[in-house]
Structures are given as structure tokens and as C-alpha cells.
Amino acid sequence: MPTRSQTVRLVLLSLALWVVATAYIRFAPGAFSDPLQGNIGFLTTLPMAWASVWLIQRFARLTTDQLMQGVSVVGAVAMMIDGAALRWMHGLYGADETIVRLGAAWLLWGYGVSLGVALVMASRQRRPA
């Protein structure tokens, strides 16, 4: 389990990542409305998820055994913020309901990919050399 200071770091990082993702949806709607850009966005989620998991581990100074828990904390905090914002402040993501829906789909995809990447990274880090 992450320590108290690690958990604080994880929550702060979660808030920062949430702000960046929300700003991306709001200020780059073409990345979601254009079919080619939307598909590219889903494909580029893999390296971005890898970088995010790496950042989570480094920023919170997590051990291999703490990695899944740390990524889960970050994802849980960001997903709860997204859920509340989509329910009560959906205009935060933009005025176009289609963009908001496509942005939400991208967020869900990103959370899932990040958890999968964390599983792979944790299992690889546990392997003896």
C-alpha cells in the first residue's frame, strides 16, 4: 500500500493529469470530431499511457509492488472527477454533446489502457534478471 505521502503525491498528480486531459478535450475538439484524428488519438493512447504509468511510479516513488495500487489511486481519483464533472458540469468539456461523448469515450479508453500497461510493467519489473 502506498504511504500517506505517496498517496498525497498520487492525488496531486491525478488532479494535474485530469486538468490536462480535460483541457485537451475542451480546446482540441477536432481531435475527437475528425474520424482520422480520433482514431490516431486512440492509437497514441498506448505510448501516452506508458509514459503516464512511468510518471506515476517515479513521481510517487512507488516500488514495483505498489505500482498497481498507485495507478489505481490516480485512475480512481480522475474517474470520480470525470464522473462528477460529466454529470453536473458537462459543459466543462465543451458545448457540443458529441465532442463530450467522444471525449468521455477517449477517457475511458485511456483509463483502461493505463491499467493494462501498469499490469504489464509491474509483471516485467518483478521478473528476475
C-alpha atoms as a PDB file:
ATOM      1  CA  MET A   1       0.000   0.000   0.000  1.00  0.00           C
ATOM      2  CA  PRO A   2       1.306   3.498  -0.777  1.00  0.00           C
ATOM      3  CA  THR A   3       2.345   5.569   2.212  1.00  0.00           C
ATOM      4  CA  ARG A   4       0.457   8.716   3.191  1.00  0.00           C
ATOM      5  CA  SER A   5       2.974  10.971   1.422  1.00  0.00           C
ATOM      6  CA  GLN A   6       2.882   8.779  -1.688  1.00  0.00           C
ATOM      7  CA  THR A   7      -0.924   8.929  -1.675  1.00  0.00           C
ATOM      8  CA  VAL A   8      -0.836  12.726  -1.482  1.00  0.00           C
ATOM      9  CA  ARG A   9       1.547  12.775  -4.451  1.00  0.00           C
ATOM     10  CA  LEU A  10      -0.731  10.381  -6.347  1.00  0.00           C
ATOM     11  CA  VAL A  11      -3.807  12.534  -5.733  1.00  0.00           C
ATOM     12  CA  LEU A  12      -1.978  15.699  -6.793  1.00  0.00           C
ATOM     13  CA  LEU A  13      -0.697  14.003  -9.942  1.00  0.00           C
ATOM     14  CA  SER A  14      -4.189  12.718 -10.654  1.00  0.00           C
ATOM     15  CA  LEU A  15      -5.579  16.244 -10.471  1.00  0.00           C
ATOM     16  CA  ALA A  16      -2.860  17.519 -12.812  1.00  0.00           C
ATOM     17  CA  LEU A  17      -3.440  14.741 -15.354  1.00  0.00           C
ATOM     18  CA  TRP A  18      -7.194  15.320 -15.155  1.00  0.00           C
ATOM     19  CA  VAL A  19      -6.749  19.046 -15.889  1.00  0.00           C
ATOM     20  CA  VAL A  20      -4.544  18.284 -18.904  1.00  0.00           C
ATOM     21  CA  ALA A  21      -6.976  15.715 -20.339  1.00  0.00           C
ATOM     22  CA  THR A  22      -9.980  17.969 -19.753  1.00  0.00           C
ATOM     23  CA  ALA A  23      -8.240  20.915 -21.407  1.00  0.00           C
ATOM     24  CA  TYR A  24      -7.341  18.707 -24.373  1.00  0.00           C
ATOM     25  CA  ILE A  25     -10.981  17.714 -24.887  1.00  0.00           C
ATOM     26  CA  ARG A  26     -12.212  21.291 -24.470  1.00  0.00           C
ATOM     27  CA  PHE A  27      -9.609  23.097 -26.557  1.00  0.00           C
ATOM     28  CA  ALA A  28      -8.908  20.489 -29.273  1.00  0.00           C
ATOM     29  CA  PRO A  29     -12.386  19.297 -30.269  1.00  0.00           C
ATOM     30  CA  GLY A  30     -11.170  18.440 -33.769  1.00  0.00           C
ATOM     31  CA  ALA A  31      -9.074  15.678 -32.237  1.00  0.00           C
ATOM     32  CA  PHE A  32     -12.360  13.967 -31.395  1.00  0.00           C
ATOM     33  CA  SER A  33     -14.740  15.027 -34.188  1.00  0.00           C
ATOM     34  CA  ASP A  34     -12.448  14.211 -37.108  1.00  0.00           C
ATOM     35  CA  PRO A  35     -12.529  10.443 -37.755  1.00  0.00           C
ATOM     36  CA  LEU A  36      -8.829  10.168 -38.648  1.00  0.00           C
ATOM     37  CA  GLN A  37      -7.657  12.307 -35.734  1.00  0.00           C
ATOM     38  CA  GLY A  38      -9.982  10.433 -33.382  1.00  0.00           C
ATOM     39  CA  ASN A  39      -8.524   7.087 -34.450  1.00  0.00           C
ATOM     40  CA  ILE A  40      -4.991   8.415 -34.130  1.00  0.00           C
ATOM     41  CA  GLY A  41      -5.871   9.659 -30.636  1.00  0.00           C
ATOM     42  CA  PHE A  42      -6.924   6.172 -29.608  1.00  0.00           C
ATOM     43  CA  LEU A  43      -3.731   4.671 -31.070  1.00  0.00           C
ATOM     44  CA  THR A  44      -1.435   7.204 -29.429  1.00  0.00           C
ATOM     45  CA  THR A  45      -3.021   6.437 -26.067  1.00  0.00           C
ATOM     46  CA  LEU A  46      -0.716   3.420 -25.705  1.00  0.00           C
ATOM     47  CA  PRO A  47       2.568   5.372 -25.545  1.00  0.00           C
ATOM     48  CA  MET A  48       0.884   8.128 -23.525  1.00  0.00           C
ATOM     49  CA  ALA A  49      -0.427   5.552 -21.041  1.00  0.00           C
ATOM     50  CA  TRP A  50       3.058   4.032 -20.753  1.00  0.00           C
ATOM     51  CA  ALA A  51       4.520   7.500 -20.092  1.00  0.00           C
ATOM     52  CA  SER A  52       1.785   8.226 -17.528  1.00  0.00           C
ATOM     53  CA  VAL A  53       2.401   4.984 -15.635  1.00  0.00           C
ATOM     54  CA  TRP A  54       6.143   5.640 -15.674  1.00  0.00           C
ATOM     55  CA  LEU A  55       5.497   9.186 -14.382  1.00  0.00           C
ATOM     56  CA  ILE A  56       3.188   7.893 -11.641  1.00  0.00           C
ATOM     57  CA  GLN A  57       5.802   5.432 -10.447  1.00  0.00           C
ATOM     58  CA  ARG A  58       8.609   7.997 -10.482  1.00  0.00           C
ATOM     59  CA  PHE A  59       6.669  10.950  -9.080  1.00  0.00           C
ATOM     60  CA  ALA A  60       5.224   8.982  -6.150  1.00  0.00           C
ATOM     61  CA  ARG A  61       8.423   6.917  -5.720  1.00  0.00           C
ATOM     62  CA  LEU A  62       6.486   3.662  -5.897  1.00  0.00           C
ATOM     63  CA  THR A  63       8.053   0.233  -5.639  1.00  0.00           C
ATOM     64  CA  THR A  64       7.092  -2.456  -8.116  1.00  0.00           C
ATOM     65  CA  ASP A  65       4.709  -3.927  -5.543  1.00  0.00           C
ATOM     66  CA  GLN A  66       2.986  -0.540  -5.153  1.00  0.00           C
ATOM     67  CA  LEU A  67       2.649   0.215  -8.868  1.00  0.00           C
ATOM     68  CA  MET A  68      -0.832  -1.226  -9.476  1.00  0.00           C
ATOM     69  CA  GLN A  69      -2.181   0.381  -6.326  1.00  0.00           C
ATOM     70  CA  GLY A  70      -0.679   3.731  -7.256  1.00  0.00           C
ATOM     71  CA  VAL A  71      -2.041   3.679 -10.792  1.00  0.00           C
ATOM     72  CA  SER A  72      -5.393   2.612  -9.374  1.00  0.00           C
ATOM     73  CA  VAL A  73      -5.425   5.589  -6.983  1.00  0.00           C
ATOM     74  CA  VAL A  74      -4.657   8.001  -9.826  1.00  0.00           C
ATOM     75  CA  GLY A  75      -7.269   6.420 -12.069  1.00  0.00           C
ATOM     76  CA  ALA A  76      -9.915   6.264  -9.350  1.00  0.00           C
ATOM     77  CA  VAL A  77      -9.497   9.932  -8.418  1.00  0.00           C
ATOM     78  CA  ALA A  78      -9.553  11.101 -12.038  1.00  0.00           C
ATOM     79  CA  MET A  79     -12.524   8.868 -12.919  1.00  0.00           C
ATOM     80  CA  MET A  80     -14.530  10.164  -9.971  1.00  0.00           C
ATOM     81  CA  ILE A  81     -13.790  13.749 -11.006  1.00  0.00           C
ATOM     82  CA  ASP A  82     -14.751  12.921 -14.604  1.00  0.00           C
ATOM     83  CA  GLY A  83     -17.951  11.242 -13.459  1.00  0.00           C
ATOM     84  CA  ALA A  84     -18.991  14.205 -11.324  1.00  0.00           C
ATOM     85  CA  ALA A  85     -17.992  16.724 -13.999  1.00  0.00           C
ATOM     86  CA  LEU A  86     -19.819  14.829 -16.755  1.00  0.00           C
ATOM     87  CA  ARG A  87     -22.931  14.643 -14.571  1.00  0.00           C
ATOM     88  CA  TRP A  88     -23.056  18.155 -13.164  1.00  0.00           C
ATOM     89  CA  MET A  89     -20.642  20.268 -15.244  1.00  0.00           C
ATOM     90  CA  HIS A  90     -20.535  18.600 -18.660  1.00  0.00           C
ATOM     91  CA  GLY A  91     -20.020  21.996 -20.302  1.00  0.00           C
ATOM     92  CA  LEU A  92     -16.542  21.928 -18.807  1.00  0.00           C
ATOM     93  CA  TYR A  93     -15.513  19.559 -21.609  1.00  0.00           C
ATOM     94  CA  GLY A  94     -17.182  21.628 -24.335  1.00  0.00           C
ATOM     95  CA  ALA A  95     -20.537  22.775 -25.672  1.00  0.00           C
ATOM     96  CA  ASP A  96     -21.006  20.058 -28.289  1.00  0.00           C
ATOM     97  CA  GLU A  97     -22.570  16.914 -26.815  1.00  0.00           C
ATOM     98  CA  THR A  98     -20.922  14.762 -29.495  1.00  0.00           C
ATOM     99  CA  ILE A  99     -17.477  16.054 -28.539  1.00  0.00           C
ATOM    100  CA  VAL A 100     -18.250  15.482 -24.856  1.00  0.00           C
ATOM    101  CA  ARG A 101     -19.340  11.893 -25.617  1.00  0.00           C
ATOM    102  CA  LEU A 102     -16.302  11.179 -27.791  1.00  0.00           C
ATOM    103  CA  GLY A 103     -14.030  12.768 -25.195  1.00  0.00           C
ATOM    104  CA  ALA A 104     -15.579  10.588 -22.486  1.00  0.00           C
ATOM    105  CA  ALA A 105     -15.002   7.516 -24.660  1.00  0.00           C
ATOM    106  CA  TRP A 106     -11.352   8.501 -25.057  1.00  0.00           C
ATOM    107  CA  LEU A 107     -11.033   8.982 -21.286  1.00  0.00           C
ATOM    108  CA  LEU A 108     -12.474   5.530 -20.586  1.00  0.00           C
ATOM    109  CA  TRP A 109     -10.164   4.002 -23.176  1.00  0.00           C
ATOM    110  CA  GLY A 110      -7.193   5.789 -21.622  1.00  0.00           C
ATOM    111  CA  TYR A 111      -8.013   4.591 -18.103  1.00  0.00           C
ATOM    112  CA  GLY A 112      -8.307   1.011 -19.308  1.00  0.00           C
ATOM    113  CA  VAL A 113      -5.104   1.148 -21.337  1.00  0.00           C
ATOM    114  CA  SER A 114      -3.248   2.700 -18.398  1.00  0.00           C
ATOM    115  CA  LEU A 115      -4.346  -0.086 -16.068  1.00  0.00           C
ATOM    116  CA  GLY A 116      -3.292  -2.680 -18.632  1.00  0.00           C
ATOM    117  CA  VAL A 117       0.089  -1.005 -19.113  1.00  0.00           C
ATOM    118  CA  ALA A 118       0.576  -0.917 -15.334  1.00  0.00           C
ATOM    119  CA  LEU A 119      -0.123  -4.653 -15.138  1.00  0.00           C
ATOM    120  CA  VAL A 120       2.446  -5.376 -17.838  1.00  0.00           C
ATOM    121  CA  MET A 121       5.042  -3.035 -16.332  1.00  0.00           C
ATOM    122  CA  ALA A 122       4.602  -4.462 -12.829  1.00  0.00           C
ATOM    123  CA  SER A 123       4.884  -8.048 -14.051  1.00  0.00           C
ATOM    124  CA  ARG A 124       8.001  -7.251 -16.104  1.00  0.00           C
ATOM    125  CA  GLN A 125       9.637  -5.446 -13.189  1.00  0.00           C
ATOM    126  CA  ARG A 126       9.028  -8.455 -10.946  1.00  0.00           C
ATOM    127  CA  ARG A 127      10.795 -10.905 -13.270  1.00  0.00           C
ATOM    128  CA  PRO A 128      14.266 -11.887 -12.128  1.00  0.00           C
ATOM    129  CA  ALA A 129      17.046 -10.739 -14.465  1.00  0.00           C
END
